[in-house]
Amino acid sequence: MRTLVKSLFIIVIVFIHAAANAATTVYSVSVDKPISEVYDRVYKSLEDARFYVVFEPNIGNNLSGFAERWGDQYNQNKLSAIRSMVFCNVWYTNQVSNKDPEMLALCPLHMTLIEKGGRTTALFARPTVIAADSPARGILQEVEDEVIRAINNAMQ
C-alpha cells in the first residue's frame, strides 16, 4: 500500500511539473530565415488579426551606438538584429478594462524578433502568466491565442 501511495505521489508531482512548464512565460518560435524576410510578414499578420502596430523600435540599431563604449559587454550573444513591435487591439483593451483595470498594465502588448546566424526568433511575453489570478484571464487567453496564431502564420 505504501509503495502505491508513493508511486501515485510521484506521478502527481510529475504531472504538476509538466503542466507548470507547458505554458512558459515567453512564447518563442524560430525560423531559418533572416529578420528582413520575416519582419514585414509578422507585422502584416498581426494587423490582419486586428492588432495594430503603433510603434516599431529597432533595438539592435539603438544598441549598436554603444558598441565601443561597452566594449566586451556589448552583444555577447552575437545577435545580428533585434526589432520589436508594440501593438494593440482596442476592442480587447476595452474588454480587459471591463474585467480588471489593473491588467491594462499589459496594454499595449509587444513582441520582439531577434536574429542570430540567419535564424529569426519571435518572442512574446504571455499575458496569461501575469493575469493568472485575474478576472480578465479569459479574455487575455483569447488575446494570447490570437497573437500566437498571427506569429505562427507569419513564421511559416
C-alpha atoms as a PDB file:
ATOM      1  CA  MET A   1       0.000   0.000   0.000  1.00  0.00           C
ATOM      2  CA  ARG A   2       2.811   2.417   0.879  1.00  0.00           C
ATOM      3  CA  THR A   3       4.510   1.748  -2.442  1.00  0.00           C
ATOM      4  CA  LEU A   4       1.272   2.523  -4.274  1.00  0.00           C
ATOM      5  CA  VAL A   5       0.825   5.804  -2.382  1.00  0.00           C
ATOM      6  CA  LYS A   6       4.449   6.785  -3.082  1.00  0.00           C
ATOM      7  CA  SER A   7       4.033   5.928  -6.754  1.00  0.00           C
ATOM      8  CA  LEU A   8       0.842   7.967  -7.035  1.00  0.00           C
ATOM      9  CA  PHE A   9       2.537  10.870  -5.261  1.00  0.00           C
ATOM     10  CA  ILE A  10       5.438  10.779  -7.710  1.00  0.00           C
ATOM     11  CA  ILE A  11       3.057  10.618 -10.679  1.00  0.00           C
ATOM     12  CA  VAL A  12       1.107  13.618  -9.379  1.00  0.00           C
ATOM     13  CA  ILE A  13       4.319  15.621  -8.904  1.00  0.00           C
ATOM     14  CA  VAL A  14       5.459  14.766 -12.440  1.00  0.00           C
ATOM     15  CA  PHE A  15       2.107  15.897 -13.887  1.00  0.00           C
ATOM     16  CA  ILE A  16       2.137  19.131 -11.886  1.00  0.00           C
ATOM     17  CA  HIS A  17       5.671  19.872 -13.080  1.00  0.00           C
ATOM     18  CA  ALA A  18       4.729  19.120 -16.695  1.00  0.00           C
ATOM     19  CA  ALA A  19       1.638  21.324 -16.501  1.00  0.00           C
ATOM     20  CA  ALA A  20       3.613  24.190 -14.986  1.00  0.00           C
ATOM     21  CA  ASN A  21       6.118  24.042 -17.815  1.00  0.00           C
ATOM     22  CA  ALA A  22       3.548  23.547 -20.590  1.00  0.00           C
ATOM     23  CA  ALA A  23       2.908  27.267 -20.900  1.00  0.00           C
ATOM     24  CA  THR A  24       6.190  29.071 -20.473  1.00  0.00           C
ATOM     25  CA  THR A  25       6.365  32.718 -19.580  1.00  0.00           C
ATOM     26  CA  VAL A  26       7.667  33.660 -23.030  1.00  0.00           C
ATOM     27  CA  TYR A  27       6.299  32.169 -26.225  1.00  0.00           C
ATOM     28  CA  SER A  28       9.151  31.559 -28.640  1.00  0.00           C
ATOM     29  CA  VAL A  29       9.182  30.318 -32.215  1.00  0.00           C
ATOM     30  CA  SER A  30      12.082  30.296 -34.666  1.00  0.00           C
ATOM     31  CA  VAL A  31      12.520  30.043 -38.413  1.00  0.00           C
ATOM     32  CA  ASP A  32      15.638  29.645 -40.537  1.00  0.00           C
ATOM     33  CA  LYS A  33      15.186  32.989 -42.279  1.00  0.00           C
ATOM     34  CA  PRO A  34      16.723  36.403 -41.684  1.00  0.00           C
ATOM     35  CA  ILE A  35      14.696  39.031 -39.894  1.00  0.00           C
ATOM     36  CA  SER A  36      14.483  41.019 -43.140  1.00  0.00           C
ATOM     37  CA  GLU A  37      12.301  38.232 -44.605  1.00  0.00           C
ATOM     38  CA  VAL A  38      10.170  37.739 -41.515  1.00  0.00           C
ATOM     39  CA  TYR A  39       9.533  41.157 -40.006  1.00  0.00           C
ATOM     40  CA  ASP A  40       7.040  42.516 -42.552  1.00  0.00           C
ATOM     41  CA  ARG A  41       5.121  39.226 -42.582  1.00  0.00           C
ATOM     42  CA  VAL A  42       4.748  39.271 -38.785  1.00  0.00           C
ATOM     43  CA  TYR A  43       3.668  42.921 -38.900  1.00  0.00           C
ATOM     44  CA  LYS A  44       1.033  42.178 -41.561  1.00  0.00           C
ATOM     45  CA  SER A  45      -0.169  39.047 -39.772  1.00  0.00           C
ATOM     46  CA  LEU A  46      -0.685  40.993 -36.525  1.00  0.00           C
ATOM     47  CA  GLU A  47      -2.592  43.690 -38.370  1.00  0.00           C
ATOM     48  CA  ASP A  48      -4.665  41.081 -40.243  1.00  0.00           C
ATOM     49  CA  ALA A  49      -5.641  39.778 -36.795  1.00  0.00           C
ATOM     50  CA  ARG A  50      -6.611  43.369 -35.861  1.00  0.00           C
ATOM     51  CA  PHE A  51      -3.639  44.013 -33.611  1.00  0.00           C
ATOM     52  CA  TYR A  52      -2.409  47.345 -34.891  1.00  0.00           C
ATOM     53  CA  VAL A  53       1.284  48.119 -34.629  1.00  0.00           C
ATOM     54  CA  VAL A  54       1.710  51.538 -33.034  1.00  0.00           C
ATOM     55  CA  PHE A  55       5.477  51.633 -32.530  1.00  0.00           C
ATOM     56  CA  GLU A  56       8.441  49.802 -34.064  1.00  0.00           C
ATOM     57  CA  PRO A  57      11.663  50.223 -32.103  1.00  0.00           C
ATOM     58  CA  ASN A  58      14.769  48.926 -33.838  1.00  0.00           C
ATOM     59  CA  ILE A  59      16.554  47.960 -30.651  1.00  0.00           C
ATOM     60  CA  GLY A  60      19.565  46.491 -32.428  1.00  0.00           C
ATOM     61  CA  ASN A  61      20.284  49.801 -34.183  1.00  0.00           C
ATOM     62  CA  ASN A  62      19.867  51.694 -30.918  1.00  0.00           C
ATOM     63  CA  LEU A  63      22.242  49.354 -29.087  1.00  0.00           C
ATOM     64  CA  SER A  64      24.889  49.429 -31.813  1.00  0.00           C
ATOM     65  CA  GLY A  65      25.723  53.014 -30.924  1.00  0.00           C
ATOM     66  CA  PHE A  66      27.093  51.770 -27.604  1.00  0.00           C
ATOM     67  CA  ALA A  67      29.386  49.056 -29.017  1.00  0.00           C
ATOM     68  CA  GLU A  68      32.607  50.991 -28.472  1.00  0.00           C
ATOM     69  CA  ARG A  69      31.566  52.355 -25.080  1.00  0.00           C
ATOM     70  CA  TRP A  70      30.504  48.965 -23.703  1.00  0.00           C
ATOM     71  CA  GLY A  71      33.407  47.014 -25.193  1.00  0.00           C
ATOM     72  CA  ASP A  72      33.291  43.306 -24.367  1.00  0.00           C
ATOM     73  CA  GLN A  73      29.940  43.790 -22.604  1.00  0.00           C
ATOM     74  CA  TYR A  74      28.305  44.629 -25.939  1.00  0.00           C
ATOM     75  CA  ASN A  75      26.170  41.979 -27.694  1.00  0.00           C
ATOM     76  CA  GLN A  76      27.775  38.937 -26.114  1.00  0.00           C
ATOM     77  CA  ASN A  77      25.208  36.638 -27.757  1.00  0.00           C
ATOM     78  CA  LYS A  78      26.183  37.968 -31.193  1.00  0.00           C
ATOM     79  CA  LEU A  79      22.640  38.867 -32.210  1.00  0.00           C
ATOM     80  CA  SER A  80      22.617  40.383 -35.685  1.00  0.00           C
ATOM     81  CA  ALA A  81      19.220  42.099 -35.264  1.00  0.00           C
ATOM     82  CA  ILE A  82      16.746  42.991 -32.505  1.00  0.00           C
ATOM     83  CA  ARG A  83      13.454  44.570 -33.532  1.00  0.00           C
ATOM     84  CA  SER A  84      10.220  45.000 -31.616  1.00  0.00           C
ATOM     85  CA  MET A  85       6.597  45.738 -32.376  1.00  0.00           C
ATOM     86  CA  VAL A  86       4.284  47.456 -29.931  1.00  0.00           C
ATOM     87  CA  PHE A  87       0.673  46.704 -30.815  1.00  0.00           C
ATOM     88  CA  CYS A  88      -2.883  46.926 -29.579  1.00  0.00           C
ATOM     89  CA  ASN A  89      -6.445  45.882 -30.305  1.00  0.00           C
ATOM     90  CA  VAL A  90      -8.790  48.427 -28.741  1.00  0.00           C
ATOM     91  CA  TRP A  91     -11.737  46.026 -28.554  1.00  0.00           C
ATOM     92  CA  TYR A  92      -9.694  43.644 -26.412  1.00  0.00           C
ATOM     93  CA  THR A  93      -8.384  46.589 -24.407  1.00  0.00           C
ATOM     94  CA  ASN A  94     -11.948  47.585 -23.581  1.00  0.00           C
ATOM     95  CA  GLN A  95     -12.846  44.019 -22.623  1.00  0.00           C
ATOM     96  CA  VAL A  96      -9.812  43.752 -20.331  1.00  0.00           C
ATOM     97  CA  SER A  97     -10.633  47.089 -18.700  1.00  0.00           C
ATOM     98  CA  ASN A  98     -14.189  45.873 -18.069  1.00  0.00           C
ATOM     99  CA  LYS A  99     -12.911  42.765 -16.263  1.00  0.00           C
ATOM    100  CA  ASP A 100      -9.827  44.056 -14.438  1.00  0.00           C
ATOM    101  CA  PRO A 101      -8.488  47.588 -14.977  1.00  0.00           C
ATOM    102  CA  GLU A 102      -5.158  46.622 -13.380  1.00  0.00           C
ATOM    103  CA  MET A 103      -4.472  44.350 -16.339  1.00  0.00           C
ATOM    104  CA  LEU A 104      -4.298  47.451 -18.521  1.00  0.00           C
ATOM    105  CA  ALA A 105      -0.651  47.381 -17.443  1.00  0.00           C
ATOM    106  CA  LEU A 106      -0.343  44.910 -20.328  1.00  0.00           C
ATOM    107  CA  CYS A 107      -1.512  47.482 -22.864  1.00  0.00           C
ATOM    108  CA  PRO A 108      -0.108  47.885 -25.344  1.00  0.00           C
ATOM    109  CA  LEU A 109       1.363  44.458 -25.981  1.00  0.00           C
ATOM    110  CA  HIS A 110       4.739  43.885 -27.569  1.00  0.00           C
ATOM    111  CA  MET A 111       6.844  41.233 -29.202  1.00  0.00           C
ATOM    112  CA  THR A 112      10.489  41.115 -30.139  1.00  0.00           C
ATOM    113  CA  LEU A 113      12.210  39.494 -33.093  1.00  0.00           C
ATOM    114  CA  ILE A 114      15.861  38.548 -32.759  1.00  0.00           C
ATOM    115  CA  GLU A 115      18.225  37.209 -35.381  1.00  0.00           C
ATOM    116  CA  LYS A 116      21.351  35.154 -34.941  1.00  0.00           C
ATOM    117  CA  GLY A 117      23.160  33.335 -37.722  1.00  0.00           C
ATOM    118  CA  GLY A 118      20.335  33.946 -40.217  1.00  0.00           C
ATOM    119  CA  ARG A 119      17.756  32.400 -37.838  1.00  0.00           C
ATOM    120  CA  THR A 120      14.938  34.620 -36.582  1.00  0.00           C
ATOM    121  CA  THR A 121      13.129  34.025 -33.301  1.00  0.00           C
ATOM    122  CA  ALA A 122       9.869  35.709 -32.296  1.00  0.00           C
ATOM    123  CA  LEU A 123       9.470  36.313 -28.552  1.00  0.00           C
ATOM    124  CA  PHE A 124       6.129  37.174 -26.964  1.00  0.00           C
ATOM    125  CA  ALA A 125       5.530  37.549 -23.220  1.00  0.00           C
ATOM    126  CA  ARG A 126       2.365  35.600 -22.444  1.00  0.00           C
ATOM    127  CA  PRO A 127      -0.220  37.927 -20.828  1.00  0.00           C
ATOM    128  CA  THR A 128      -1.939  34.969 -19.155  1.00  0.00           C
ATOM    129  CA  VAL A 129       1.097  34.443 -16.941  1.00  0.00           C
ATOM    130  CA  ILE A 130       0.663  37.908 -15.446  1.00  0.00           C
ATOM    131  CA  ALA A 131      -3.128  37.541 -15.378  1.00  0.00           C
ATOM    132  CA  ALA A 132      -3.107  34.080 -13.799  1.00  0.00           C
ATOM    133  CA  ASP A 133      -5.474  35.112 -10.972  1.00  0.00           C
ATOM    134  CA  SER A 134      -7.201  37.992 -12.743  1.00  0.00           C
ATOM    135  CA  PRO A 135     -10.863  38.158 -13.723  1.00  0.00           C
ATOM    136  CA  ALA A 136      -9.538  39.221 -17.153  1.00  0.00           C
ATOM    137  CA  ARG A 137      -7.612  35.977 -17.640  1.00  0.00           C
ATOM    138  CA  GLY A 138     -10.224  34.522 -20.010  1.00  0.00           C
ATOM    139  CA  ILE A 139     -10.161  37.476 -22.389  1.00  0.00           C
ATOM    140  CA  LEU A 140      -6.368  37.632 -22.141  1.00  0.00           C
ATOM    141  CA  GLN A 141      -6.238  33.958 -23.105  1.00  0.00           C
ATOM    142  CA  GLU A 142      -8.108  34.904 -26.277  1.00  0.00           C
ATOM    143  CA  VAL A 143      -5.630  37.720 -26.907  1.00  0.00           C
ATOM    144  CA  GLU A 144      -2.679  35.428 -26.332  1.00  0.00           C
ATOM    145  CA  ASP A 145      -4.085  32.749 -28.616  1.00  0.00           C
ATOM    146  CA  GLU A 146      -4.768  35.277 -31.401  1.00  0.00           C
ATOM    147  CA  VAL A 147      -1.321  36.838 -31.178  1.00  0.00           C
ATOM    148  CA  ILE A 148       0.405  33.439 -31.168  1.00  0.00           C
ATOM    149  CA  ARG A 149      -1.681  32.343 -34.138  1.00  0.00           C
ATOM    150  CA  ALA A 150      -0.665  35.525 -36.008  1.00  0.00           C
ATOM    151  CA  ILE A 151       3.005  34.955 -35.164  1.00  0.00           C
ATOM    152  CA  ASN A 152       2.861  31.312 -36.240  1.00  0.00           C
ATOM    153  CA  ASN A 153       1.109  32.177 -39.514  1.00  0.00           C
ATOM    154  CA  ALA A 154       3.851  34.644 -40.359  1.00  0.00           C
ATOM    155  CA  MET A 155       6.762  32.481 -39.248  1.00  0.00           C
ATOM    156  CA  GLN A 156       5.953  29.545 -41.543  1.00  0.00           C
END
